[in-house]
Every structure is written in C-alpha cells, then in structure tokens.
C-alpha cells in the first residue's frame, strides 16, 4: 500500500501542490522520537528575523478537528503539545494546526497574507504538499538504516524514500563526535542516496521553575530527581539528569500521553514519602504543556516542579554548511 501510494505521487497520478510562499518540510521515516520539533524551532530561530514565519502542524493527539490558529489561551487538548510549545517559545510567529497540510496552508495565507515562509512539522509522509525544502531527521541511536517497516519495526515507509529529502540530519549525536563515527555513518547512508548529510546534538539549558516552590529553590542539582515524561525516547534526558543527581526515579508514559490526576497523585505520594536531603520533579517542556490543566495543576502546585528546556545545535563542521544550504534553497 505504501509502495503504490509513493509510486502514484512519483508518476503524477496523485498531485503535490507547490505554493508561491516557500515551504520547509521537517519529518522522519520512523514513528517518532527523532527530535523533529526542536529542529523546527531551530529553523524558526534561523529565519524569524528575516521572514514572517508560520509553523503548521497537524496537532497530534489534540481533541479538536480542522484548522486552528494558536493564541495565548490555547491548550494542549485543543491544539496538541508540540504546536503549543513552539507558540510559547516564539510568541512573535504564527503557529497553526490542520489535519490537511494543503487546506492548512491555504487558510494560513488567507488569514495571514503577509506570511513569507511556512515550516511544516512532521510532514515527510504528507506528499500532497511539495515543499521547496524537505528535511529528514533520523536519530543517531535509532537510525532508519537499522530499522524495519511497521509492524516489524517502526518505519512508516521504506528506507529508499530517504532520497526524497534535500537534507538529512542525524540528530542526538554525542556532543563530542569523532571523525571516524562521522565517516562510518556517511558510508552507511550511501545505499539510500541520502543528500547533504549534517549532524546535530542536544544542548540542555538550566532548569526552569513552573511552580512557586520551584521558583524559591532556584537550583540545577538535587540529591533525588523524579523525572516525569511522556516522550518517545527519554534516554538522553535520563543520562543528563544522572549527572545532576545521586538518585533518579523515572515515571515514564507513552509519547503524547495525556496525564491523569491518578498519575500525578501517585507521583506526589512517592515524592512526599521519599526521604532525601533535596528532591525535585523534572519534566520536559513538551510534557509541561499537558500539565497545565486545572485539575493537574492543583495536584502539583505545592511541589518543586521544573522543566528541562533543550535546543538543537549543529557540530562545528556542520553548522555553517547547514545554514548556508538551507538559506540558498529558500532564496532560489
């Protein structure tokens, strides 16, 4: 089915729409956890001072349907956690959600005719839009070349489709990245005709308090850390927090999971009964978007809860080349 669908697009039996406004598509071959949204935010940072930028997402796991432009009162239930995070981090840009990328872009341009650049979050499989620039992300620890199609693995489409991307980014690489490792990956990617290969890594920022007790603490280390996440791959975050604590206690849920009061009550009881010289709760920015419901906030408001913000960086060899390549394609 996937094979024939892609062939229909390749043969022109299914049409891809190209827009006058440049569109950047960011996506992956797997079902999640590669770091698409942080790379979208990197692109927003790169272009926001030069263009009127908009981000369009489908708003995965939202409880609404259709086209919707985010505003200050938007919630994760209405728009999805990732679009809400982008909107909070970049209040000066337009962020919208729509199941149909074509309809979504048309609505965006109708309501915001001054938009000069659109970035699509998680769009690689949505071929009804033809982006001016297609960026494919693959996780260093779970690269697509070692993976298989669903249900045997977690690939949405065959590995050969990587050649549709104008740029391939290997994300979540070690911060200290050896030339030999780079050479091995470049060689392994040759059979898939992957073009313009770059390597990025995650930089974690200082903890940010989201409750009053956390604001009073102002810390970046603790003896005991309770980690609350609902993301696809929390391994890198765990490793970072192990360097900032003596004991790490993890509460992991499936990606995009909508936390229930019972989940937080269980965490709170464990936290309060834990004897420790200093203890805090850490969550991700994405997860914090889903903790903002009144019934959940009420449970954790008297606990020291922080988020662990992060952003994407490219290795020294890649940063200038990546920016130059991206800007040259958009300006063509």
Protein backbone atom coordinates (compact mmCIF):
# COMPACT_ATOMS: atom_id res chain seq x y z
CA UNK A 1 0.00 0.00 0.00
CA UNK A 2 2.77 2.44 1.00
CA UNK A 3 4.78 1.44 -2.08
CA UNK A 4 1.90 2.14 -4.51
CA UNK A 5 0.96 5.41 -2.78
CA UNK A 6 4.51 6.75 -3.23
CA UNK A 7 4.60 5.50 -6.82
CA UNK A 8 1.32 7.31 -7.60
CA UNK A 9 2.94 10.55 -6.39
CA UNK A 10 6.13 9.79 -8.36
CA UNK A 11 4.10 9.13 -11.53
CA UNK A 12 1.89 12.19 -11.02
CA UNK A 13 -1.33 10.21 -10.53
CA UNK A 14 -1.58 11.83 -7.10
CA UNK A 15 -0.81 15.55 -7.24
CA UNK A 16 1.55 17.50 -4.96
CA UNK A 17 0.72 21.21 -4.58
CA UNK A 18 3.56 23.72 -4.71
CA UNK A 19 2.96 27.16 -3.19
CA UNK A 20 4.44 30.53 -4.12
CA UNK A 21 5.41 31.07 -0.47
CA UNK A 22 8.45 28.85 0.29
CA UNK A 23 7.63 25.82 2.43
CA UNK A 24 10.10 23.83 4.54
CA UNK A 25 9.02 20.32 5.47
CA UNK A 26 10.56 18.63 8.52
CA UNK A 27 9.86 14.94 9.12
CA UNK A 28 11.20 11.44 9.58
CA UNK A 29 10.73 7.88 8.37
CA UNK A 30 10.02 6.46 11.82
CA UNK A 31 7.01 6.86 14.13
CA UNK A 32 8.63 9.40 16.44
CA UNK A 33 11.37 10.38 18.84
CA UNK A 34 13.89 11.80 16.34
CA UNK A 35 13.64 15.41 17.53
CA UNK A 36 11.61 16.97 14.72
CA UNK A 37 10.11 19.78 16.82
CA UNK A 38 13.46 21.04 18.22
CA UNK A 39 14.73 21.21 14.63
CA UNK A 40 11.59 23.15 13.63
CA UNK A 41 12.40 25.57 16.45
CA UNK A 42 15.99 25.81 15.20
CA UNK A 43 14.67 26.81 11.76
CA UNK A 44 12.28 29.34 13.32
CA UNK A 45 15.24 30.92 15.16
CA UNK A 46 17.19 30.96 11.92
CA UNK A 47 14.53 32.75 9.84
CA UNK A 48 12.29 34.72 12.23
CA UNK A 49 14.26 37.97 11.93
CA UNK A 50 14.39 37.78 8.14
CA UNK A 51 10.91 36.49 7.20
CA UNK A 52 7.36 36.49 8.50
CA UNK A 53 7.40 32.85 9.63
CA UNK A 54 4.49 30.49 10.28
CA UNK A 55 4.57 26.91 11.58
CA UNK A 56 1.88 24.43 10.58
CA UNK A 57 1.37 21.12 12.40
CA UNK A 58 -1.41 18.54 12.44
CA UNK A 59 -1.57 18.90 16.24
CA UNK A 60 -1.11 15.24 17.12
CA UNK A 61 -3.40 13.96 19.94
CA UNK A 62 -5.48 17.15 20.08
CA UNK A 63 -9.19 16.80 20.83
CA UNK A 64 -10.29 19.21 18.09
CA UNK A 65 -10.51 18.98 14.30
CA UNK A 66 -9.94 21.32 11.39
CA UNK A 67 -7.84 24.47 11.03
CA UNK A 68 -6.96 26.48 14.12
CA UNK A 69 -4.51 29.34 14.76
CA UNK A 70 -2.98 29.28 18.23
CA UNK A 71 -3.45 32.20 20.64
CA UNK A 72 -2.44 32.95 24.23
CA UNK A 73 -5.33 30.90 25.68
CA UNK A 74 -4.72 27.77 23.57
CA UNK A 75 -4.34 24.46 25.42
CA UNK A 76 -2.62 21.19 24.58
CA UNK A 77 -6.01 19.46 24.41
CA UNK A 78 -7.19 21.89 21.70
CA UNK A 79 -4.01 22.18 19.62
CA UNK A 80 -1.51 19.48 20.70
CA UNK A 81 1.53 19.77 22.95
CA UNK A 82 4.23 20.40 20.31
CA UNK A 83 2.48 23.30 18.49
CA UNK A 84 1.72 24.84 21.89
CA UNK A 85 5.37 24.56 22.91
CA UNK A 86 6.51 26.29 19.68
CA UNK A 87 3.94 29.04 20.20
CA UNK A 88 5.08 29.63 23.81
CA UNK A 89 8.76 29.67 22.83
CA UNK A 90 8.21 32.00 19.85
CA UNK A 91 5.25 34.28 20.63
CA UNK A 92 6.06 36.55 17.68
CA UNK A 93 5.31 33.95 14.99
CA UNK A 94 2.08 32.35 13.74
CA UNK A 95 1.50 28.71 14.72
CA UNK A 96 -1.47 26.79 13.33
CA UNK A 97 -2.80 23.23 13.21
CA UNK A 98 -4.65 21.39 10.47
CA UNK A 99 -5.01 17.70 9.51
CA UNK A 100 -4.75 18.68 5.83
CA UNK A 101 -1.48 20.44 5.06
CA UNK A 102 -2.86 21.79 1.74
CA UNK A 103 -6.00 23.24 3.33
CA UNK A 104 -3.97 24.45 6.28
CA UNK A 105 -1.51 26.40 4.11
CA UNK A 106 -4.35 27.91 2.04
CA UNK A 107 -6.15 29.00 5.24
CA UNK A 108 -2.92 30.41 6.69
CA UNK A 109 -2.26 32.53 3.61
CA UNK A 110 -5.90 33.64 3.52
CA UNK A 111 -5.89 34.77 7.16
CA UNK A 112 -2.25 35.94 7.29
CA UNK A 113 -1.38 37.16 3.77
CA UNK A 114 1.90 38.71 4.96
CA UNK A 115 3.43 35.29 5.74
CA UNK A 116 6.68 34.78 3.80
CA UNK A 117 7.82 31.33 4.96
CA UNK A 118 5.96 28.26 6.23
CA UNK A 119 7.56 25.41 8.20
CA UNK A 120 5.69 22.10 8.34
CA UNK A 121 6.21 19.95 11.43
CA UNK A 122 6.12 16.17 10.75
CA UNK A 123 5.36 16.36 7.05
CA UNK A 124 7.57 13.84 5.24
CA UNK A 125 4.72 11.39 4.55
CA UNK A 126 2.23 14.16 3.60
CA UNK A 127 3.10 14.40 -0.07
CA UNK A 128 0.08 16.44 -1.15
CA UNK A 129 2.31 19.47 -0.42
CA UNK A 130 5.57 19.78 -2.32
CA UNK A 131 7.99 21.65 -0.03
CA UNK A 132 10.69 23.83 -1.50
CA UNK A 133 12.96 22.19 1.07
CA UNK A 134 12.43 18.71 2.55
CA UNK A 135 14.45 17.93 5.72
CA UNK A 136 14.55 14.37 7.02
CA UNK A 137 15.61 13.70 10.65
CA UNK A 138 16.96 10.38 11.91
CA UNK A 139 18.00 9.56 15.48
CA UNK A 140 21.71 8.67 15.91
CA UNK A 141 20.78 5.89 18.35
CA UNK A 142 17.92 4.53 16.19
CA UNK A 143 18.92 5.33 12.63
CA UNK A 144 16.48 4.29 9.91
CA UNK A 145 19.06 2.14 8.10
CA UNK A 146 18.95 -0.33 11.02
CA UNK A 147 15.16 -0.27 11.20
CA UNK A 148 12.24 -2.06 9.51
CA UNK A 149 8.74 -1.22 8.30
CA UNK A 150 5.82 -1.44 10.70
CA UNK A 151 4.88 -3.79 12.35
CA UNK A 152 8.33 -5.44 12.40
CA UNK A 153 9.99 -2.09 13.18
CA UNK A 154 8.76 1.48 13.47
CA UNK A 155 9.36 2.82 9.94
CA UNK A 156 6.34 4.46 8.28
CA UNK A 157 7.73 3.91 4.78
CA UNK A 158 10.69 2.16 3.08
CA UNK A 159 14.27 3.35 3.68
CA UNK A 160 14.64 4.12 -0.02
CA UNK A 161 12.30 7.11 0.44
CA UNK A 162 15.15 8.93 2.22
CA UNK A 163 16.34 10.02 -1.22
CA UNK A 164 13.29 12.34 -1.46
CA UNK A 165 14.87 14.60 1.17
CA UNK A 166 17.02 17.56 0.15
CA UNK A 167 18.77 17.40 3.53
CA UNK A 168 19.31 14.57 6.01
CA UNK A 169 20.06 15.41 9.66
CA UNK A 170 21.38 12.79 12.08
CA UNK A 171 20.07 14.06 15.41
CA UNK A 172 21.02 13.41 19.07
CA UNK A 173 24.64 12.61 18.27
CA UNK A 174 27.17 12.77 21.15
CA UNK A 175 28.36 16.31 21.82
CA UNK A 176 31.92 15.06 21.34
CA UNK A 177 31.58 13.47 17.91
CA UNK A 178 34.53 11.61 16.37
CA UNK A 179 35.54 11.98 12.70
CA UNK A 180 35.59 8.17 12.44
CA UNK A 181 31.96 7.95 13.61
CA UNK A 182 31.01 10.58 11.02
CA UNK A 183 32.82 8.66 8.27
CA UNK A 184 31.10 5.36 9.19
CA UNK A 185 27.63 6.95 9.09
CA UNK A 186 28.29 8.68 5.77
CA UNK A 187 29.32 5.32 4.28
CA UNK A 188 26.24 3.55 5.71
CA UNK A 189 23.94 6.17 4.19
CA UNK A 190 25.34 5.82 0.65
CA UNK A 191 22.94 2.99 -0.40
CA UNK A 192 19.96 5.24 0.38
CA UNK A 193 21.24 8.10 -1.82
CA UNK A 194 20.86 10.49 1.11
CA UNK A 195 21.89 14.02 0.13
CA UNK A 196 23.50 16.81 2.17
CA UNK A 197 24.12 14.98 5.45
CA UNK A 198 24.57 17.00 8.67
CA UNK A 199 24.91 16.10 12.35
CA UNK A 200 23.16 17.78 15.29
CA UNK A 201 23.14 17.28 19.06
CA UNK A 202 21.03 18.33 22.04
CA UNK A 203 22.03 21.15 24.40
CA UNK A 204 20.19 21.25 27.71
CA UNK A 205 19.53 24.59 29.41
CA UNK A 206 19.13 25.43 33.10
CA UNK A 207 16.04 24.13 34.83
CA UNK A 208 13.04 26.45 34.63
CA UNK A 209 10.57 26.52 37.55
CA UNK A 210 6.86 26.05 36.79
CA UNK A 211 5.56 26.04 40.40
CA UNK A 212 6.03 28.51 43.27
CA UNK A 213 8.10 26.12 45.45
CA UNK A 214 10.43 25.59 42.46
CA UNK A 215 10.86 29.36 41.99
CA UNK A 216 12.04 29.65 45.58
CA UNK A 217 14.64 26.90 45.16
CA UNK A 218 16.48 28.25 42.07
CA UNK A 219 18.64 25.13 41.66
CA UNK A 220 20.13 22.98 38.91
CA UNK A 221 21.13 19.98 41.01
CA UNK A 222 19.40 17.82 43.61
CA UNK A 223 20.14 14.68 45.57
CA UNK A 224 16.96 13.00 44.24
CA UNK A 225 15.23 13.79 40.95
CA UNK A 226 11.81 12.45 39.99
CA UNK A 227 11.58 12.50 36.18
CA UNK A 228 8.08 12.70 34.67
CA UNK A 229 7.91 12.23 30.90
CA UNK A 230 5.63 11.16 28.08
CA UNK A 231 8.07 11.35 25.18
CA UNK A 232 9.19 8.72 22.69
CA UNK A 233 12.81 8.43 23.83
CA UNK A 234 13.82 9.86 27.24
CA UNK A 235 17.23 8.11 27.35
CA UNK A 236 19.34 11.22 26.62
CA UNK A 237 17.45 13.25 29.22
CA UNK A 238 17.97 10.49 31.79
CA UNK A 239 21.71 10.48 31.14
CA UNK A 240 21.89 14.26 31.61
CA UNK A 241 19.91 14.18 34.87
CA UNK A 242 22.11 11.41 36.27
CA UNK A 243 24.95 13.94 36.21
CA UNK A 244 22.82 16.38 38.22
CA UNK A 245 21.67 13.99 40.95
CA UNK A 246 22.64 10.99 43.04
CA UNK A 247 19.31 9.25 42.51
CA UNK A 248 16.98 9.36 39.51
CA UNK A 249 13.44 7.98 39.81
CA UNK A 250 11.59 7.76 36.48
CA UNK A 251 7.89 7.96 35.75
CA UNK A 252 7.64 7.29 32.00
CA UNK A 253 4.45 7.19 29.94
CA UNK A 254 3.88 6.68 26.21
CA UNK A 255 4.57 9.55 23.81
CA UNK A 256 1.97 12.39 23.99
CA UNK A 257 0.16 10.67 26.87
CA UNK A 258 -2.49 12.89 28.49
CA UNK A 259 -1.66 12.73 32.18
CA UNK A 260 -4.49 11.82 34.55
CA UNK A 261 -4.96 13.06 38.13
CA UNK A 262 -4.29 9.49 39.35
CA UNK A 263 -0.85 9.53 37.66
CA UNK A 264 0.18 12.72 39.43
CA UNK A 265 -1.29 11.66 42.76
CA UNK A 266 0.83 8.51 42.63
CA UNK A 267 3.93 10.58 41.82
CA UNK A 268 3.13 13.09 44.57
CA UNK A 269 2.69 10.38 47.20
CA UNK A 270 6.02 8.80 46.23
CA UNK A 271 7.71 12.21 46.27
CA UNK A 272 6.39 13.20 49.71
CA UNK A 273 7.29 9.83 51.25
CA UNK A 274 10.81 9.89 49.83
CA UNK A 275 13.44 10.81 52.41
CA UNK A 276 16.13 12.92 50.75
CA UNK A 277 18.31 15.92 51.54
CA UNK A 278 16.98 17.68 48.46
CA UNK A 279 14.42 16.46 45.94
CA UNK A 280 12.72 17.93 42.87
CA UNK A 281 10.46 16.89 39.99
CA UNK A 282 11.69 17.43 36.42
CA UNK A 283 9.63 17.23 33.25
CA UNK A 284 10.13 18.32 29.63
CA UNK A 285 8.76 21.48 28.05
CA UNK A 286 6.50 19.36 25.87
CA UNK A 287 5.10 17.46 28.84
CA UNK A 288 4.58 20.71 30.76
CA UNK A 289 2.11 21.78 28.07
CA UNK A 290 -0.13 18.88 29.15
CA UNK A 291 0.31 19.55 32.88
CA UNK A 292 -1.37 22.94 32.57
CA UNK A 293 -4.93 21.63 33.09
CA UNK A 294 -6.54 22.99 36.30
CA UNK A 295 -7.13 19.54 37.85
CA UNK A 296 -3.46 18.60 37.27
CA UNK A 297 -2.00 21.95 38.33
CA UNK A 298 -3.86 21.69 41.62
CA UNK A 299 -2.08 18.43 42.46
CA UNK A 300 1.47 19.63 41.79
CA UNK A 301 1.27 23.34 42.67
CA UNK A 302 2.82 22.80 46.15
CA UNK A 303 5.72 20.68 44.80
CA UNK A 304 9.07 21.87 43.35
CA UNK A 305 8.49 21.14 39.64
CA UNK A 306 10.92 22.27 36.93
CA UNK A 307 11.12 21.84 33.17
CA UNK A 308 14.35 20.89 31.42
CA UNK A 309 14.45 23.10 28.29
CA UNK A 310 16.64 21.98 25.43
CA UNK A 311 17.62 23.16 21.97
CA UNK A 312 19.38 21.75 18.94
CA UNK A 313 22.91 22.65 17.92
CA UNK A 314 24.92 21.54 14.90
CA UNK A 315 28.51 20.40 15.19
CA UNK A 316 31.08 22.99 14.27
CA UNK A 317 31.79 21.36 10.91
CA UNK A 318 28.10 21.26 10.00
CA UNK A 319 26.54 24.46 11.35
CA UNK A 320 27.77 26.92 8.72
CA UNK A 321 27.25 24.43 5.89
CA UNK A 322 23.70 23.57 7.04
CA UNK A 323 22.65 27.23 7.37
CA UNK A 324 24.20 28.10 4.00
CA UNK A 325 22.46 25.19 2.27
CA UNK A 326 19.05 25.88 3.81
CA UNK A 327 19.15 29.60 3.01
CA UNK A 328 20.38 29.03 -0.56
CA UNK A 329 17.44 26.69 -1.33
CA UNK A 330 14.87 29.05 0.23
CA UNK A 331 16.24 32.10 -1.61
CA UNK A 332 16.33 30.42 -5.03
